[in-house]
N, C-alpha and C. Protein backbone atom coordinates (compact mmCIF):
# COMPACT_ATOMS: atom_id res chain seq x y z
N MET A 1 0.54 -1.07 -0.06
CA MET A 1 0.38 -0.01 0.09
C MET A 1 0.60 1.01 0.07
N THR A 2 0.89 1.97 -0.53
CA THR A 2 1.11 3.38 -1.18
C THR A 2 0.38 4.21 -0.03
N THR A 3 1.32 5.94 0.15
CA THR A 3 0.57 6.27 0.81
C THR A 3 1.51 7.85 0.07
N ALA A 4 0.49 9.22 0.92
CA ALA A 4 0.73 10.45 0.50
C ALA A 4 1.61 10.17 -0.64
N PHE A 5 3.10 10.51 0.67
CA PHE A 5 4.68 10.49 0.26
C PHE A 5 4.71 10.43 -1.02
N ALA A 6 4.69 8.83 -1.51
CA ALA A 6 4.67 7.59 -2.29
C ALA A 6 4.40 8.69 -3.34
N ASP A 7 2.91 8.96 -3.66
CA ASP A 7 2.08 9.81 -4.60
C ASP A 7 3.10 11.56 -5.14
N GLU A 8 3.35 11.66 -3.82
CA GLU A 8 3.94 13.19 -3.57
C GLU A 8 5.93 12.76 -4.90
N ALA A 9 6.32 11.71 -4.57
CA ALA A 9 6.59 11.69 -5.86
C ALA A 9 6.86 11.01 -6.66
N VAL A 10 6.14 11.09 -6.83
CA VAL A 10 5.62 10.30 -7.88
C VAL A 10 4.86 11.72 -9.24
N ARG A 11 4.19 12.77 -8.58
CA ARG A 11 3.62 13.69 -9.25
C ARG A 11 5.74 14.30 -9.31
N ILE A 12 6.47 14.30 -8.48
CA ILE A 12 7.99 14.78 -9.09
C ILE A 12 8.15 14.63 -9.84
N HIS A 13 8.36 13.43 -9.96
CA HIS A 13 9.16 12.65 -11.02
C HIS A 13 7.96 13.35 -12.74
N ARG A 14 7.15 13.57 -12.23
CA ARG A 14 6.01 13.64 -13.76
C ARG A 14 6.44 15.36 -13.49
N ALA A 15 5.85 15.97 -12.56
CA ALA A 15 5.92 17.46 -12.63
C ALA A 15 6.74 18.22 -12.61
N ALA A 16 7.43 17.43 -12.68
CA ALA A 16 8.72 18.74 -12.17
C ALA A 16 10.03 17.54 -13.10
N GLY A 17 9.64 16.24 -13.84
CA GLY A 17 11.03 16.47 -14.63
C GLY A 17 11.86 15.22 -13.99
N LEU A 18 12.14 14.82 -12.70
CA LEU A 18 13.31 14.64 -11.65
C LEU A 18 13.76 12.76 -11.84
N SER A 19 14.58 12.39 -12.24
CA SER A 19 14.91 11.43 -12.27
C SER A 19 14.99 10.57 -11.10
N ASP A 20 14.70 9.41 -10.98
CA ASP A 20 14.95 8.36 -10.00
C ASP A 20 16.12 9.24 -9.48
N ARG A 21 17.16 9.22 -9.75
CA ARG A 21 18.66 8.95 -9.71
C ARG A 21 18.61 10.51 -8.51
N VAL A 22 17.59 11.37 -8.99
CA VAL A 22 18.20 12.59 -8.43
C VAL A 22 17.08 12.91 -7.33
N ILE A 23 16.04 12.47 -7.96
CA ILE A 23 15.34 12.04 -5.90
C ILE A 23 15.81 11.43 -5.25
N GLY A 24 16.35 10.73 -5.12
CA GLY A 24 16.82 9.22 -3.95
C GLY A 24 17.96 9.88 -4.10
N GLU A 25 19.02 11.08 -4.19
CA GLU A 25 20.46 11.81 -4.23
C GLU A 25 19.39 12.81 -2.98
N ALA A 26 18.11 13.70 -3.33
CA ALA A 26 17.19 14.74 -2.69
C ALA A 26 17.66 14.10 -1.21
N VAL A 27 16.71 12.80 -1.29
CA VAL A 27 16.06 12.10 -0.24
C VAL A 27 16.86 11.05 0.84
N GLY A 28 17.65 10.96 -0.30
CA GLY A 28 18.65 9.56 0.34
C GLY A 28 18.50 8.32 0.24
N ALA A 29 18.07 8.19 -0.98
CA ALA A 29 17.49 6.81 -1.05
C ALA A 29 18.46 6.28 -2.55
N ARG A 30 18.49 4.73 -2.92
CA ARG A 30 19.19 4.62 -3.50
C ARG A 30 17.95 4.48 -5.42
N PRO A 31 17.76 4.70 -6.48
CA PRO A 31 17.14 5.09 -7.71
C PRO A 31 16.11 3.79 -7.75
N SER A 32 16.83 2.40 -7.63
CA SER A 32 16.18 1.36 -7.06
C SER A 32 15.07 1.78 -6.18
N THR A 33 15.56 2.51 -4.90
CA THR A 33 14.00 2.10 -3.53
C THR A 33 12.85 3.45 -4.25
N VAL A 34 13.56 4.17 -5.06
CA VAL A 34 13.04 5.05 -5.90
C VAL A 34 12.15 4.68 -6.41
N ARG A 35 12.25 4.33 -7.75
CA ARG A 35 11.48 3.30 -8.43
C ARG A 35 10.70 2.27 -7.97
N ASP A 36 10.54 1.59 -6.82
CA ASP A 36 9.40 1.67 -6.13
C ASP A 36 8.89 2.00 -5.76
N TRP A 37 9.19 2.92 -5.34
CA TRP A 37 7.99 4.57 -4.65
C TRP A 37 7.26 4.85 -6.19
N LEU A 38 8.03 4.92 -7.35
CA LEU A 38 6.95 5.47 -8.63
C LEU A 38 6.51 4.80 -8.77
N GLY A 39 6.43 2.91 -8.85
CA GLY A 39 5.13 1.98 -9.21
C GLY A 39 5.02 1.28 -8.04
N GLY A 40 4.63 1.66 -6.62
CA GLY A 40 3.40 1.95 -5.45
C GLY A 40 3.52 0.58 -5.05
N ARG A 41 5.30 0.15 -5.32
CA ARG A 41 5.60 -1.32 -4.59
C ARG A 41 5.49 -0.81 -2.98
N THR A 42 6.22 0.37 -2.67
CA THR A 42 6.28 0.26 -1.73
C THR A 42 6.86 2.13 -1.38
N SER A 43 6.46 2.81 -0.04
CA SER A 43 6.52 4.19 0.48
C SER A 43 7.85 4.75 1.37
N PRO A 44 7.65 6.07 0.89
CA PRO A 44 8.71 6.41 1.61
C PRO A 44 8.66 6.82 3.93
N THR A 45 9.74 6.49 3.99
CA THR A 45 8.75 7.06 5.48
C THR A 45 9.97 7.28 5.89
N GLY A 46 9.24 8.24 7.36
CA GLY A 46 10.28 8.88 7.76
C GLY A 46 11.35 9.53 7.70
N MET A 47 12.66 9.77 7.32
CA MET A 47 13.44 11.46 7.58
C MET A 47 13.46 10.89 5.68
N ARG A 48 13.08 10.14 4.47
CA ARG A 48 13.22 10.23 3.59
C ARG A 48 11.69 10.84 2.92
N ALA A 49 10.34 10.16 3.58
CA ALA A 49 9.04 10.73 3.73
C ALA A 49 8.94 11.84 3.72
N ARG A 50 10.10 12.68 5.15
CA ARG A 50 10.32 14.43 5.33
C ARG A 50 10.66 14.59 3.65
N ARG A 51 11.87 14.18 3.50
CA ARG A 51 12.70 14.66 1.88
C ARG A 51 11.69 14.55 1.52
N VAL A 52 10.87 14.17 0.92
CA VAL A 52 10.16 13.74 -0.34
C VAL A 52 9.13 15.59 -0.27
N ALA A 53 8.96 15.73 0.97
CA ALA A 53 7.59 16.67 1.28
C ALA A 53 8.48 18.11 1.09
N GLU A 54 9.57 18.06 1.44
CA GLU A 54 10.38 19.27 0.96
C GLU A 54 10.41 19.69 -0.56
N LEU A 55 11.01 18.72 -0.96
CA LEU A 55 11.58 18.59 -1.84
C LEU A 55 9.79 18.87 -3.41
N ALA A 56 9.30 18.84 -3.26
CA ALA A 56 7.50 18.24 -3.69
C ALA A 56 7.75 19.89 -3.21
N GLU A 57 7.80 20.65 -2.28
CA GLU A 57 7.64 21.77 -1.89
C GLU A 57 9.12 23.14 -2.56
N ILE A 58 9.67 22.41 -2.89
CA ILE A 58 10.83 23.20 -3.51
C ILE A 58 10.93 22.83 -4.90
N THR A 59 10.05 21.52 -5.33
CA THR A 59 10.02 21.90 -7.07
C THR A 59 8.55 22.85 -7.17
N ASP A 60 7.36 22.67 -6.45
CA ASP A 60 6.21 23.88 -6.52
C ASP A 60 6.68 24.75 -7.14
N ARG A 61 7.39 25.78 -6.04
CA ARG A 61 7.93 27.21 -5.87
C ARG A 61 8.56 27.02 -7.69
N LEU A 62 9.25 26.25 -7.83
CA LEU A 62 10.24 26.28 -8.32
C LEU A 62 9.36 26.60 -9.93
N ALA A 63 8.14 25.61 -10.60
CA ALA A 63 7.52 25.66 -11.02
C ALA A 63 6.65 27.02 -12.31
N ARG A 64 6.50 28.18 -10.43
CA ARG A 64 6.46 28.99 -10.68
C ARG A 64 6.47 30.14 -11.00
N VAL A 65 7.98 29.80 -11.28
CA VAL A 65 9.42 30.63 -11.43
C VAL A 65 10.19 30.82 -12.62
N MET A 66 9.95 29.50 -13.36
CA MET A 66 11.18 28.74 -13.42
C MET A 66 10.26 28.01 -15.47
N ASP A 67 11.03 27.65 -16.59
CA ASP A 67 10.04 26.18 -17.20
C ASP A 67 10.18 25.16 -15.97
N THR A 68 9.57 24.18 -16.57
CA THR A 68 9.09 23.32 -15.53
C THR A 68 10.42 21.80 -16.70
N ARG A 69 10.59 22.47 -18.13
CA ARG A 69 11.76 21.36 -18.55
C ARG A 69 13.42 21.57 -17.70
N TYR A 70 13.28 23.14 -17.15
CA TYR A 70 14.33 23.78 -17.16
C TYR A 70 14.76 22.87 -15.48
N ILE A 71 13.56 22.09 -14.28
CA ILE A 71 13.74 22.30 -13.16
C ILE A 71 14.91 21.72 -12.75
N PRO A 72 15.47 20.27 -14.25
CA PRO A 72 16.39 19.15 -13.92
C PRO A 72 17.50 19.88 -13.80
N VAL A 73 18.49 20.39 -14.20
CA VAL A 73 18.86 20.90 -14.78
C VAL A 73 18.81 21.96 -13.58
N TRP A 74 18.26 23.03 -13.31
CA TRP A 74 18.35 23.98 -12.31
C TRP A 74 18.94 22.76 -10.71
N MET A 75 17.82 21.37 -11.05
CA MET A 75 18.82 20.84 -9.54
C MET A 75 19.86 20.48 -9.20
N VAL A 76 20.74 20.33 -10.33
CA VAL A 76 22.12 19.36 -10.31
C VAL A 76 23.24 20.37 -10.59
N LYS A 77 22.92 21.55 -10.85
CA LYS A 77 23.84 22.83 -11.27
C LYS A 77 24.44 23.22 -10.01
N PRO A 78 25.56 23.84 -10.53
CA PRO A 78 26.04 24.56 -9.63
C PRO A 78 25.75 25.09 -9.23
N VAL A 79 24.80 26.53 -8.25
CA VAL A 79 24.35 27.74 -8.57
C VAL A 79 25.43 29.02 -7.27
N GLU A 80 25.23 29.69 -8.40
CA GLU A 80 26.75 30.26 -6.97
C GLU A 80 26.54 30.82 -6.30
N ALA A 81 24.86 31.27 -6.08
CA ALA A 81 24.31 32.34 -4.61
C ALA A 81 24.24 30.50 -3.76
N LEU A 82 24.72 29.53 -3.58
CA LEU A 82 24.78 28.69 -3.30
C LEU A 82 26.67 27.36 -2.66
N ASP A 83 27.07 29.01 -3.29
CA ASP A 83 28.73 28.47 -2.90
C ASP A 83 29.15 27.88 -3.94
N ASP A 84 28.42 27.46 -4.79
CA ASP A 84 29.17 26.89 -6.13
C ASP A 84 28.72 25.67 -6.12
N ARG A 85 27.09 25.24 -5.01
CA ARG A 85 26.76 23.96 -4.66
C ARG A 85 25.27 23.66 -5.32
N ALA A 86 25.33 22.17 -5.59
CA ALA A 86 23.62 22.27 -6.25
C ALA A 86 22.75 22.12 -5.40
N PRO A 87 21.25 22.06 -5.89
CA PRO A 87 20.87 22.78 -4.65
C PRO A 87 20.19 21.34 -3.73
N VAL A 88 20.00 20.24 -5.42
CA VAL A 88 19.88 18.81 -4.24
C VAL A 88 21.02 18.49 -3.80
N GLU A 89 21.72 18.73 -3.26
CA GLU A 89 23.08 18.52 -2.61
C GLU A 89 22.40 19.33 -1.28
N LEU A 90 21.89 20.52 -1.29
CA LEU A 90 22.31 21.50 -0.14
C LEU A 90 20.70 20.16 0.36
N ILE A 91 19.79 19.79 -0.05
CA ILE A 91 18.54 19.21 0.15
C ILE A 91 18.51 17.99 1.04
N ALA A 92 19.69 16.95 -0.17
CA ALA A 92 19.51 15.90 1.40
C ALA A 92 21.06 16.40 1.61
N ALA A 93 21.13 17.55 2.18
CA ALA A 93 22.07 17.17 3.41
C ALA A 93 21.03 18.17 4.63
N GLY A 94 19.75 17.98 4.13
CA GLY A 94 18.89 18.83 4.80
C GLY A 94 19.04 20.77 5.07
N GLN A 95 19.70 21.47 3.88
CA GLN A 95 19.66 22.40 4.19
C GLN A 95 18.40 22.93 2.96
N VAL A 96 17.84 22.93 3.02
CA VAL A 96 16.42 22.63 2.33
C VAL A 96 16.11 24.31 2.21
N ARG A 97 16.47 25.08 3.66
CA ARG A 97 15.87 26.76 3.42
C ARG A 97 16.50 27.06 3.08
N ASP A 98 17.97 26.90 3.01
CA ASP A 98 18.94 27.48 1.48
C ASP A 98 18.46 27.92 0.38
N VAL A 99 18.02 26.21 -0.49
CA VAL A 99 17.69 26.33 -1.01
C VAL A 99 16.60 27.68 -1.34
N ALA A 100 15.56 27.22 -0.52
CA ALA A 100 13.64 27.74 -0.25
C ALA A 100 14.51 29.61 -0.65
N ARG A 101 16.00 30.19 0.28
CA ARG A 101 16.28 31.48 0.17
C ARG A 101 15.87 31.83 -0.80
N LEU A 102 16.85 31.38 -1.93
CA LEU A 102 17.69 31.54 -3.38
C LEU A 102 16.27 31.88 -4.21
N ILE A 103 15.09 30.46 -4.02
CA ILE A 103 13.80 30.21 -4.65
C ILE A 103 13.13 32.01 -4.54
N SER A 104 12.75 32.50 -2.99
CA SER A 104 12.67 33.26 -2.32
C SER A 104 12.97 35.00 -3.47
N SER A 105 14.06 34.75 -3.80
CA SER A 105 15.07 35.85 -4.17
C SER A 105 14.18 35.68 -5.40
N LEU A 106 14.02 34.28 -6.39
CA LEU A 106 13.59 34.65 -7.62
C LEU A 106 11.91 34.91 -8.09
N GLU A 107 11.47 34.68 -6.56
CA GLU A 107 9.40 34.68 -6.38
C GLU A 107 9.72 36.35 -6.32
N SER A 108 10.61 36.73 -5.50
CA SER A 108 10.83 38.64 -5.37
C SER A 108 11.59 39.11 -5.81
N PRO A 109 12.32 39.45 -7.23
CA PRO A 109 14.12 39.81 -7.60
C PRO A 109 14.21 41.38 -6.87
N GLY A 110 12.78 41.99 -6.59
CA GLY A 110 13.50 43.03 -6.34
C GLY A 110 13.34 42.95 -4.11
N ALA A 111 12.75 42.16 -3.60
CA ALA A 111 13.62 42.24 -1.95
C ALA A 111 13.95 41.67 -1.67
N ALA A 112 15.46 41.06 -2.06
CA ALA A 112 16.34 40.17 -2.37
C ALA A 112 17.61 41.46 -2.10
């Protein structure tokens, strides 16, 4: 039986175009585990479920400020404003707030 967290993983995969590898890197899971979530065989739990929810929020916000086709690139590309680290690395390290702050500056360019 799957959970809403597995459904979120499916939504991230489809809507934001993130691969099982990128989702796995962000949430601390092997790509094969993510494929199990995407296939409805298992569901993320614990910290992985929390990271899925955080990743969903990040990708939802990104979809409001950029073409969704670019989200997979943006997630793995080193970003100067993040000390040349990729957003997916920071999310994996639990530093989702740093990524969220950067997205806030994209949402409100004059506010930064």
